[in-house]
PDB file of N, CA and C in Angstrom:
ATOM      1  N   MET A   1       0.820  -8.911   5.917  1.00  0.00           N
ATOM      2  CA  MET A   1       1.375  -7.893   5.053  1.00  0.00           C
ATOM      3  C   MET A   1       0.996  -8.139   3.600  1.00  0.00           C
ATOM      4  N   ASP A   2       1.032  -9.401   3.177  1.00  0.00           N
ATOM      5  CA  ASP A   2       0.691  -9.708   1.788  1.00  0.00           C
ATOM      6  C   ASP A   2      -0.723  -9.250   1.454  1.00  0.00           C
ATOM      7  N   ARG A   3      -1.635  -9.423   2.402  1.00  0.00           N
ATOM      8  CA  ARG A   3      -3.026  -9.006   2.167  1.00  0.00           C
ATOM      9  C   ARG A   3      -3.116  -7.490   1.988  1.00  0.00           C
ATOM     10  N   ILE A   4      -2.371  -6.765   2.788  1.00  0.00           N
ATOM     11  CA  ILE A   4      -2.358  -5.301   2.695  1.00  0.00           C
ATOM     12  C   ILE A   4      -1.759  -4.859   1.358  1.00  0.00           C
ATOM     13  N   ILE A   5      -0.641  -5.456   0.998  1.00  0.00           N
ATOM     14  CA  ILE A   5       0.002  -5.110  -0.270  1.00  0.00           C
ATOM     15  C   ILE A   5      -0.935  -5.442  -1.430  1.00  0.00           C
ATOM     16  N   GLY A   6      -1.596  -6.599  -1.351  1.00  0.00           N
ATOM     17  CA  GLY A   6      -2.545  -6.990  -2.389  1.00  0.00           C
ATOM     18  C   GLY A   6      -3.715  -6.027  -2.486  1.00  0.00           C
ATOM     19  N   TRP A   7      -4.232  -5.604  -1.338  1.00  0.00           N
ATOM     20  CA  TRP A   7      -5.353  -4.659  -1.329  1.00  0.00           C
ATOM     21  C   TRP A   7      -4.947  -3.343  -1.982  1.00  0.00           C
ATOM     22  N   LEU A   8      -3.763  -2.857  -1.647  1.00  0.00           N
ATOM     23  CA  LEU A   8      -3.324  -1.560  -2.154  1.00  0.00           C
ATOM     24  C   LEU A   8      -2.947  -1.600  -3.635  1.00  0.00           C
ATOM     25  N   THR A   9      -2.292  -2.669  -4.048  1.00  0.00           N
ATOM     26  CA  THR A   9      -1.693  -2.694  -5.385  1.00  0.00           C
ATOM     27  C   THR A   9      -2.328  -3.657  -6.381  1.00  0.00           C
ATOM     28  N   GLY A  10      -3.047  -4.648  -5.876  1.00  0.00           N
ATOM     29  CA  GLY A  10      -3.611  -5.658  -6.766  1.00  0.00           C
ATOM     30  C   GLY A  10      -2.690  -6.831  -7.026  1.00  0.00           C
ATOM     31  N   TYR A  11      -1.478  -6.817  -6.479  1.00  0.00           N
ATOM     32  CA  TYR A  11      -0.579  -7.955  -6.647  1.00  0.00           C
ATOM     33  C   TYR A  11      -1.121  -9.151  -5.883  1.00  0.00           C
ATOM     34  N   ASP A  12      -1.101 -10.331  -6.527  1.00  0.00           N
ATOM     35  CA  ASP A  12      -1.417 -11.565  -5.829  1.00  0.00           C
ATOM     36  C   ASP A  12      -0.089 -12.195  -5.378  1.00  0.00           C
ATOM     37  N   ALA A  13      -0.145 -13.366  -4.758  1.00  0.00           N
ATOM     38  CA  ALA A  13       1.070 -13.998  -4.230  1.00  0.00           C
ATOM     39  C   ALA A  13       2.101 -14.247  -5.335  1.00  0.00           C
ATOM     40  N   ALA A  14       1.650 -14.721  -6.483  1.00  0.00           N
ATOM     41  CA  ALA A  14       2.572 -14.984  -7.596  1.00  0.00           C
ATOM     42  C   ALA A  14       3.198 -13.684  -8.104  1.00  0.00           C
ATOM     43  N   GLY A  15       2.396 -12.634  -8.175  1.00  0.00           N
ATOM     44  CA  GLY A  15       2.911 -11.336  -8.625  1.00  0.00           C
ATOM     45  C   GLY A  15       3.943 -10.782  -7.656  1.00  0.00           C
ATOM     46  N   LEU A  16       3.673 -10.916  -6.368  1.00  0.00           N
ATOM     47  CA  LEU A  16       4.651 -10.455  -5.373  1.00  0.00           C
ATOM     48  C   LEU A  16       5.937 -11.259  -5.466  1.00  0.00           C
ATOM     49  N   ASP A  17       5.796 -12.575  -5.617  1.00  0.00           N
ATOM     50  CA  ASP A  17       6.988 -13.414  -5.772  1.00  0.00           C
ATOM     51  C   ASP A  17       7.804 -12.980  -6.980  1.00  0.00           C
ATOM     52  N   ARG A  18       7.116 -12.652  -8.067  1.00  0.00           N
ATOM     53  CA  ARG A  18       7.803 -12.250  -9.305  1.00  0.00           C
ATOM     54  C   ARG A  18       8.570 -10.941  -9.119  1.00  0.00           C
ATOM     55  N   VAL A  19       7.922  -9.923  -8.523  1.00  0.00           N
ATOM     56  CA  VAL A  19       8.626  -8.644  -8.372  1.00  0.00           C
ATOM     57  C   VAL A  19       9.764  -8.757  -7.364  1.00  0.00           C
ATOM     58  N   LEU A  20       9.602  -9.619  -6.372  1.00  0.00           N
ATOM     59  CA  LEU A  20      10.708  -9.841  -5.432  1.00  0.00           C
ATOM     60  C   LEU A  20      11.875 -10.539  -6.121  1.00  0.00           C
ATOM     61  N   ALA A  21      11.566 -11.562  -6.926  1.00  0.00           N
ATOM     62  CA  ALA A  21      12.620 -12.285  -7.645  1.00  0.00           C
ATOM     63  C   ALA A  21      13.328 -11.383  -8.647  1.00  0.00           C
ATOM     64  N   ASP A  22      12.571 -10.492  -9.272  1.00  0.00           N
ATOM     65  CA  ASP A  22      13.139  -9.573 -10.264  1.00  0.00           C
ATOM     66  C   ASP A  22      13.833  -8.380  -9.609  1.00  0.00           C
ATOM     67  N   GLU A  23      13.677  -8.252  -8.282  1.00  0.00           N
ATOM     68  CA  GLU A  23      14.278  -7.155  -7.525  1.00  0.00           C
ATOM     69  C   GLU A  23      13.950  -5.790  -8.125  1.00  0.00           C
ATOM     70  N   VAL A  24      12.673  -5.596  -8.437  1.00  0.00           N
ATOM     71  CA  VAL A  24      12.259  -4.321  -9.017  1.00  0.00           C
ATOM     72  C   VAL A  24      12.354  -3.208  -7.974  1.00  0.00           C
ATOM     73  N   ASP A  25      12.572  -1.999  -8.447  1.00  0.00           N
ATOM     74  CA  ASP A  25      12.601  -0.854  -7.535  1.00  0.00           C
ATOM     75  C   ASP A  25      11.159  -0.426  -7.243  1.00  0.00           C
ATOM     76  N   LEU A  26      10.995   0.469  -6.288  1.00  0.00           N
ATOM     77  CA  LEU A  26       9.652   0.881  -5.887  1.00  0.00           C
ATOM     78  C   LEU A  26       8.892   1.588  -7.002  1.00  0.00           C
ATOM     79  N   GLU A  27       9.597   2.344  -7.803  1.00  0.00           N
ATOM     80  CA  GLU A  27       8.924   3.024  -8.917  1.00  0.00           C
ATOM     81  C   GLU A  27       8.301   2.002  -9.860  1.00  0.00           C
ATOM     82  N   THR A  28       9.059   0.976 -10.203  1.00  0.00           N
ATOM     83  CA  THR A  28       8.562  -0.082 -11.083  1.00  0.00           C
ATOM     84  C   THR A  28       7.463  -0.882 -10.401  1.00  0.00           C
ATOM     85  N   PHE A  29       7.653  -1.174  -9.125  1.00  0.00           N
ATOM     86  CA  PHE A  29       6.666  -1.921  -8.352  1.00  0.00           C
ATOM     87  C   PHE A  29       5.292  -1.258  -8.435  1.00  0.00           C
ATOM     88  N   PHE A  30       5.250   0.035  -8.195  1.00  0.00           N
ATOM     89  CA  PHE A  30       3.973   0.734  -8.233  1.00  0.00           C
ATOM     90  C   PHE A  30       3.497   0.984  -9.663  1.00  0.00           C
ATOM     91  N   ALA A  31       4.412   1.245 -10.578  1.00  0.00           N
ATOM     92  CA  ALA A  31       4.022   1.493 -11.980  1.00  0.00           C
ATOM     93  C   ALA A  31       3.401   0.249 -12.609  1.00  0.00           C
ATOM     94  N   GLN A  32       3.876  -0.928 -12.222  1.00  0.00           N
ATOM     95  CA  GLN A  32       3.374  -2.172 -12.789  1.00  0.00           C
ATOM     96  C   GLN A  32       2.296  -2.822 -11.926  1.00  0.00           C
ATOM     97  N   ALA A  33       1.865  -2.135 -10.884  1.00  0.00           N
ATOM     98  CA  ALA A  33       0.822  -2.693 -10.016  1.00  0.00           C
ATOM     99  C   ALA A  33      -0.401  -3.038 -10.854  1.00  0.00           C
ATOM    100  N   PRO A  34      -0.911  -4.247 -10.699  1.00  0.00           N
ATOM    101  CA  PRO A  34      -2.049  -4.673 -11.512  1.00  0.00           C
ATOM    102  C   PRO A  34      -3.308  -3.818 -11.341  1.00  0.00           C
ATOM    103  N   ARG A  35      -3.534  -3.329 -10.125  1.00  0.00           N
ATOM    104  CA  ARG A  35      -4.768  -2.596  -9.870  1.00  0.00           C
ATOM    105  C   ARG A  35      -4.592  -1.768  -8.594  1.00  0.00           C
ATOM    106  N   PHE A  36      -4.063  -0.560  -8.732  1.00  0.00           N
ATOM    107  CA  PHE A  36      -3.896   0.279  -7.548  1.00  0.00           C
ATOM    108  C   PHE A  36      -5.281   0.641  -7.025  1.00  0.00           C
ATOM    109  N   ASN A  37      -5.504   0.408  -5.749  1.00  0.00           N
ATOM    110  CA  ASN A  37      -6.829   0.538  -5.157  1.00  0.00           C
ATOM    111  C   ASN A  37      -7.338   1.978  -5.202  1.00  0.00           C
ATOM    112  N   PRO A  38      -8.514   2.186  -5.797  1.00  0.00           N
ATOM    113  CA  PRO A  38      -9.069   3.539  -5.856  1.00  0.00           C
ATOM    114  C   PRO A  38      -9.420   4.095  -4.470  1.00  0.00           C
ATOM    115  N   ASN A  39      -9.537   3.222  -3.474  1.00  0.00           N
ATOM    116  CA  ASN A  39      -9.823   3.675  -2.110  1.00  0.00           C
ATOM    117  C   ASN A  39      -8.570   4.079  -1.349  1.00  0.00           C
ATOM    118  N   ALA A  40      -7.434   4.084  -2.005  1.00  0.00           N
ATOM    119  CA  ALA A  40      -6.197   4.497  -1.342  1.00  0.00           C
ATOM    120  C   ALA A  40      -6.304   5.923  -0.816  1.00  0.00           C
ATOM    121  N   SER A  41      -7.118   6.714  -1.466  1.00  0.00           N
ATOM    122  CA  SER A  41      -7.277   8.101  -1.009  1.00  0.00           C
ATOM    123  C   SER A  41      -7.936   8.183   0.367  1.00  0.00           C
ATOM    124  N   LEU A  42      -8.504   7.075   0.841  1.00  0.00           N
ATOM    125  CA  LEU A  42      -9.079   7.035   2.191  1.00  0.00           C
ATOM    126  C   LEU A  42      -7.999   6.904   3.263  1.00  0.00           C
ATOM    127  N   ILE A  43      -6.779   6.626   2.838  1.00  0.00           N
ATOM    128  CA  ILE A  43      -5.660   6.503   3.780  1.00  0.00           C
ATOM    129  C   ILE A  43      -5.205   7.905   4.141  1.00  0.00           C
ATOM    130  N   THR A  44      -5.346   8.241   5.396  1.00  0.00           N
ATOM    131  CA  THR A  44      -4.963   9.566   5.869  1.00  0.00           C
ATOM    132  C   THR A  44      -4.154   9.426   7.142  1.00  0.00           C
ATOM    133  N   GLY A  45      -3.520  10.496   7.519  1.00  0.00           N
ATOM    134  CA  GLY A  45      -2.765  10.508   8.762  1.00  0.00           C
ATOM    135  C   GLY A  45      -1.307  10.836   8.525  1.00  0.00           C
ATOM    136  N   VAL A  46      -0.548  10.743   9.593  1.00  0.00           N
ATOM    137  CA  VAL A  46       0.860  11.126   9.565  1.00  0.00           C
ATOM    138  C   VAL A  46       1.732   9.877   9.587  1.00  0.00           C
ATOM    139  N   ILE A  47       2.704   9.866   8.699  1.00  0.00           N
ATOM    140  CA  ILE A  47       3.734   8.831   8.698  1.00  0.00           C
ATOM    141  C   ILE A  47       5.059   9.503   8.396  1.00  0.00           C
ATOM    142  N   CYS A  48       6.036   9.228   9.202  1.00  0.00           N
ATOM    143  CA  CYS A  48       7.368   9.834   9.048  1.00  0.00           C
ATOM    144  C   CYS A  48       7.285  11.362   9.034  1.00  0.00           C
ATOM    145  N   GLY A  49       6.355  11.903   9.815  1.00  0.00           N
ATOM    146  CA  GLY A  49       6.245  13.346   9.939  1.00  0.00           C
ATOM    147  C   GLY A  49       5.507  14.048   8.814  1.00  0.00           C
ATOM    148  N   HIS A  50       4.916  13.283   7.906  1.00  0.00           N
ATOM    149  CA  HIS A  50       4.210  13.873   6.763  1.00  0.00           C
ATOM    150  C   HIS A  50       2.781  13.352   6.716  1.00  0.00           C
ATOM    151  N   ARG A  51       1.835  14.227   6.417  1.00  0.00           N
ATOM    152  CA  ARG A  51       0.443  13.806   6.207  1.00  0.00           C
ATOM    153  C   ARG A  51       0.372  13.158   4.830  1.00  0.00           C
ATOM    154  N   VAL A  52      -0.001  11.904   4.785  1.00  0.00           N
ATOM    155  CA  VAL A  52       0.009  11.171   3.512  1.00  0.00           C
ATOM    156  C   VAL A  52      -0.929  11.786   2.479  1.00  0.00           C
ATOM    157  N   GLU A  53      -2.022  12.352   2.930  1.00  0.00           N
ATOM    158  CA  GLU A  53      -2.974  12.929   1.979  1.00  0.00           C
ATOM    159  C   GLU A  53      -2.468  14.221   1.344  1.00  0.00           C
ATOM    160  N   ASN A  54      -1.405  14.796   1.896  1.00  0.00           N
ATOM    161  CA  ASN A  54      -0.869  16.057   1.364  1.00  0.00           C
ATOM    162  C   ASN A  54       0.423  15.885   0.565  1.00  0.00           C
ATOM    163  N   ILE A  55       0.890  14.672   0.417  1.00  0.00           N
ATOM    164  CA  ILE A  55       2.131  14.435  -0.330  1.00  0.00           C
ATOM    165  C   ILE A  55       1.847  14.646  -1.815  1.00  0.00           C
ATOM    166  N   GLU A  56       2.622  15.514  -2.441  1.00  0.00           N
ATOM    167  CA  GLU A  56       2.371  15.895  -3.834  1.00  0.00           C
ATOM    168  C   GLU A  56       2.963  14.928  -4.853  1.00  0.00           C
ATOM    169  N   ASP A  57       4.116  14.357  -4.575  1.00  0.00           N
ATOM    170  CA  ASP A  57       4.751  13.437  -5.515  1.00  0.00           C
ATOM    171  C   ASP A  57       3.966  12.113  -5.519  1.00  0.00           C
ATOM    172  N   PRO A  58       3.410  11.715  -6.664  1.00  0.00           N
ATOM    173  CA  PRO A  58       2.568  10.515  -6.719  1.00  0.00           C
ATOM    174  C   PRO A  58       3.277   9.240  -6.252  1.00  0.00           C
ATOM    175  N   LEU A  59       4.525   9.055  -6.643  1.00  0.00           N
ATOM    176  CA  LEU A  59       5.257   7.864  -6.219  1.00  0.00           C
ATOM    177  C   LEU A  59       5.471   7.879  -4.708  1.00  0.00           C
ATOM    178  N   MET A  60       5.915   9.001  -4.173  1.00  0.00           N
ATOM    179  CA  MET A  60       6.157   9.077  -2.734  1.00  0.00           C
ATOM    180  C   MET A  60       4.852   8.882  -1.964  1.00  0.00           C
ATOM    181  N   GLN A  61       3.757   9.381  -2.499  1.00  0.00           N
ATOM    182  CA  GLN A  61       2.480   9.192  -1.815  1.00  0.00           C
ATOM    183  C   GLN A  61       2.108   7.708  -1.766  1.00  0.00           C
ATOM    184  N   LYS A  62       2.322   6.993  -2.849  1.00  0.00           N
ATOM    185  CA  LYS A  62       2.023   5.560  -2.855  1.00  0.00           C
ATOM    186  C   LYS A  62       2.921   4.812  -1.871  1.00  0.00           C
ATOM    187  N   ILE A  63       4.184   5.183  -1.820  1.00  0.00           N
ATOM    188  CA  ILE A  63       5.107   4.568  -0.867  1.00  0.00           C
ATOM    189  C   ILE A  63       4.638   4.821   0.560  1.00  0.00           C
ATOM    190  N   ARG A  64       4.244   6.049   0.850  1.00  0.00           N
ATOM    191  CA  ARG A  64       3.790   6.399   2.200  1.00  0.00           C
ATOM    192  C   ARG A  64       2.438   5.780   2.530  1.00  0.00           C
ATOM    193  N   TYR A  65       1.564   5.599   1.522  1.00  0.00           N
ATOM    194  CA  TYR A  65       0.320   4.866   1.754  1.00  0.00           C
ATOM    195  C   TYR A  65       0.649   3.473   2.297  1.00  0.00           C
ATOM    196  N   LEU A  66       1.545   2.784   1.604  1.00  0.00           N
ATOM    197  CA  LEU A  66       1.925   1.441   2.032  1.00  0.00           C
ATOM    198  C   LEU A  66       2.568   1.480   3.412  1.00  0.00           C
ATOM    199  N   ASP A  67       3.436   2.436   3.623  1.00  0.00           N
ATOM    200  CA  ASP A  67       4.093   2.613   4.919  1.00  0.00           C
ATOM    201  C   ASP A  67       3.060   2.798   6.022  1.00  0.00           C
ATOM    202  N   LYS A  68       2.066   3.617   5.769  1.00  0.00           N
ATOM    203  CA  LYS A  68       1.014   3.896   6.751  1.00  0.00           C
ATOM    204  C   LYS A  68       0.208   2.641   7.067  1.00  0.00           C
ATOM    205  N   LEU A  69      -0.147   1.873   6.053  1.00  0.00           N
ATOM    206  CA  LEU A  69      -0.916   0.654   6.270  1.00  0.00           C
ATOM    207  C   LEU A  69      -0.130  -0.364   7.091  1.00  0.00           C
ATOM    208  N   ILE A  70       1.140  -0.531   6.778  1.00  0.00           N
ATOM    209  CA  ILE A  70       1.981  -1.473   7.524  1.00  0.00           C
ATOM    210  C   ILE A  70       2.166  -0.986   8.958  1.00  0.00           C
ATOM    211  N   ASP A  71       2.293   0.313   9.146  1.00  0.00           N
ATOM    212  CA  ASP A  71       2.389   0.876  10.490  1.00  0.00           C
ATOM    213  C   ASP A  71       1.123   0.568  11.295  1.00  0.00           C
ATOM    214  N   GLU A  72      -0.031   0.693  10.654  1.00  0.00           N
ATOM    215  CA  GLU A  72      -1.290   0.385  11.330  1.00  0.00           C
ATOM    216  C   GLU A  72      -1.346  -1.083  11.731  1.00  0.00           C
ATOM    217  N   LEU A  73      -0.870  -1.975  10.867  1.00  0.00           N
ATOM    218  CA  LEU A  73      -0.815  -3.399  11.183  1.00  0.00           C
ATOM    219  C   LEU A  73       0.090  -3.641  12.384  1.00  0.00           C
ATOM    220  N   ALA A  74       1.249  -3.022  12.377  1.00  0.00           N
ATOM    221  CA  ALA A  74       2.203  -3.188  13.478  1.00  0.00           C
ATOM    222  C   ALA A  74       1.644  -2.679  14.802  1.00  0.00           C
ATOM    223  N   ARG A  75       0.777  -1.698  14.739  1.00  0.00           N
ATOM    224  CA  ARG A  75       0.169  -1.138  15.948  1.00  0.00           C
ATOM    225  C   ARG A  75      -1.051  -1.927  16.412  1.00  0.00           C
ATOM    226  N   GLY A  76      -1.402  -2.981  15.689  1.00  0.00           N
ATOM    227  CA  GLY A  76      -2.488  -3.851  16.105  1.00  0.00           C
ATOM    228  C   GLY A  76      -3.878  -3.437  15.657  1.00  0.00           C
ATOM    229  N   LYS A  77      -3.948  -2.545  14.704  1.00  0.00           N
ATOM    230  CA  LYS A  77      -5.255  -2.119  14.185  1.00  0.00           C
ATOM    231  C   LYS A  77      -5.929  -3.301  13.487  1.00  0.00           C
ATOM    232  N   LYS A  78      -7.238  -3.382  13.557  1.00  0.00           N
ATOM    233  CA  LYS A  78      -7.972  -4.476  12.927  1.00  0.00           C
ATOM    234  C   LYS A  78      -7.884  -4.379  11.408  1.00  0.00           C
ATOM    235  N   MET A  79      -7.802  -5.553  10.779  1.00  0.00           N
ATOM    236  CA  MET A  79      -7.610  -5.612   9.333  1.00  0.00           C
ATOM    237  C   MET A  79      -8.723  -4.881   8.582  1.00  0.00           C
ATOM    238  N   ALA A  80      -9.968  -4.996   9.029  1.00  0.00           N
ATOM    239  CA  ALA A  80     -11.066  -4.305   8.342  1.00  0.00           C
ATOM    240  C   ALA A  80     -10.840  -2.796   8.332  1.00  0.00           C
ATOM    241  N   ALA A  81     -10.302  -2.263   9.411  1.00  0.00           N
ATOM    242  CA  ALA A  81     -10.022  -0.827   9.472  1.00  0.00           C
ATOM    243  C   ALA A  81      -8.834  -0.473   8.582  1.00  0.00           C
ATOM    244  N   ILE A  82      -7.818  -1.327   8.582  1.00  0.00           N
ATOM    245  CA  ILE A  82      -6.639  -1.074   7.747  1.00  0.00           C
ATOM    246  C   ILE A  82      -7.039  -1.047   6.274  1.00  0.00           C
ATOM    247  N   LEU A  83      -7.915  -1.959   5.887  1.00  0.00           N
ATOM    248  CA  LEU A  83      -8.357  -2.050   4.492  1.00  0.00           C
ATOM    249  C   LEU A  83      -9.524  -1.135   4.208  1.00  0.00           C
ATOM    250  N   ARG A  84      -9.718  -0.188   5.088  1.00  0.00           N
ATOM    251  CA  ARG A  84     -10.741   0.848   4.938  1.00  0.00           C
ATOM    252  C   ARG A  84     -12.117   0.267   4.698  1.00  0.00           C
ATOM    253  N   GLY A  85     -12.444  -0.773   5.513  1.00  0.00           N
ATOM    254  CA  GLY A  85     -13.766  -1.368   5.486  1.00  0.00           C
ATOM    255  C   GLY A  85     -13.991  -2.397   4.399  1.00  0.00           C
ATOM    256  N   SER A  86     -12.989  -2.676   3.614  1.00  0.00           N
ATOM    257  CA  SER A  86     -13.113  -3.606   2.501  1.00  0.00           C
ATOM    258  C   SER A  86     -12.689  -5.006   2.916  1.00  0.00           C
ATOM    259  N   ASP A  87     -13.363  -6.027   2.381  1.00  0.00           N
ATOM    260  CA  ASP A  87     -12.968  -7.412   2.627  1.00  0.00           C
ATOM    261  C   ASP A  87     -12.082  -7.929   1.493  1.00  0.00           C
ATOM    262  N   ALA A  88     -11.899  -7.121   0.473  1.00  0.00           N
ATOM    263  CA  ALA A  88     -11.125  -7.554  -0.696  1.00  0.00           C
ATOM    264  C   ALA A  88      -9.676  -7.829  -0.317  1.00  0.00           C
ATOM    265  N   PRO A  89      -9.041  -8.758  -1.000  1.00  0.00           N
ATOM    266  CA  PRO A  89      -7.621  -9.066  -0.709  1.00  0.00           C
ATOM    267  C   PRO A  89      -6.697  -7.943  -1.036  1.00  0.00           C
TER     268      PRO A  89
END
């Protein structure tokens, strides 16, 4: 999960530890993300009954992007596919 979160947001282990310790809300978590992945737009599909690529609210779309990636991990999808072909952390 840490690798997926890092790929999507740019947080490293220390950054994740910091936001967890600070108990930041999701809005702050995404607003302060060091480097939101420009390939996030490659994340498509349905999560919680909504197509992630069609979600209009930017914050909710980022939340659902993460939700979709974690769902793919839980379903056993290969990490290279989850990270949309990228080897980056």
